[in-house]
Protein backbone atom coordinates (compact mmCIF):
# COMPACT_ATOMS: atom_id res chain seq x y z
CA UNK A 1 -34.05 11.53 51.09
CA UNK A 2 -37.52 10.44 49.26
CA UNK A 3 -38.46 10.90 45.33
CA UNK A 4 -41.20 13.45 44.61
CA UNK A 5 -44.06 11.73 44.26
CA UNK A 6 -45.71 11.59 41.15
CA UNK A 7 -49.61 13.56 40.89
CA UNK A 8 -52.52 11.19 38.87
CA UNK A 9 -54.44 13.76 37.07
CA UNK A 10 -57.73 12.84 35.13
CA UNK A 11 -59.29 15.25 32.20
CA UNK A 12 -62.27 14.44 30.58
CA UNK A 13 -62.60 15.56 27.25
CA UNK A 14 -65.76 15.79 24.76
CA UNK A 15 -65.55 16.65 21.62
CA UNK A 16 -67.79 15.94 18.63
CA UNK A 17 -66.53 14.12 15.22
CA UNK A 18 -66.74 13.75 12.76
CA UNK A 19 -65.84 11.36 11.09
CA UNK A 20 -62.52 8.24 11.70
CA UNK A 21 -60.26 10.48 10.32
CA UNK A 22 -60.58 13.34 12.34
CA UNK A 23 -60.32 11.36 15.78
CA UNK A 24 -57.49 9.97 14.18
CA UNK A 25 -56.37 13.65 14.53
CA UNK A 26 -57.50 14.10 17.89
CA UNK A 27 -55.23 11.47 19.17
CA UNK A 28 -52.56 12.33 17.44
CA UNK A 29 -52.92 16.63 19.62
CA UNK A 30 -52.95 14.64 22.52
CA UNK A 31 -50.32 11.56 21.78
CA UNK A 32 -48.28 14.53 21.72
CA UNK A 33 -48.94 15.68 25.03
CA UNK A 34 -45.89 15.92 27.83
CA UNK A 35 -46.79 12.91 30.35
CA UNK A 36 -49.51 12.23 28.66
CA UNK A 37 -49.61 8.47 29.28
CA UNK A 38 -53.47 6.53 28.45
CA UNK A 39 -55.48 8.45 26.38
CA UNK A 40 -59.53 6.09 25.82
CA UNK A 41 -61.60 7.41 22.66
CA UNK A 42 -65.86 6.49 23.03
CA UNK A 43 -68.06 6.61 20.31
């Protein structure tokens, strides 16, 4: 019996941030999502 395959899903969020503090808050929330393993922030 084989194990279920993991499905990789990509989601792009475009969020306006005004400062580094906002970016840190967004990062904190994203990393709390179950299954989240990677995020990329482009300024």
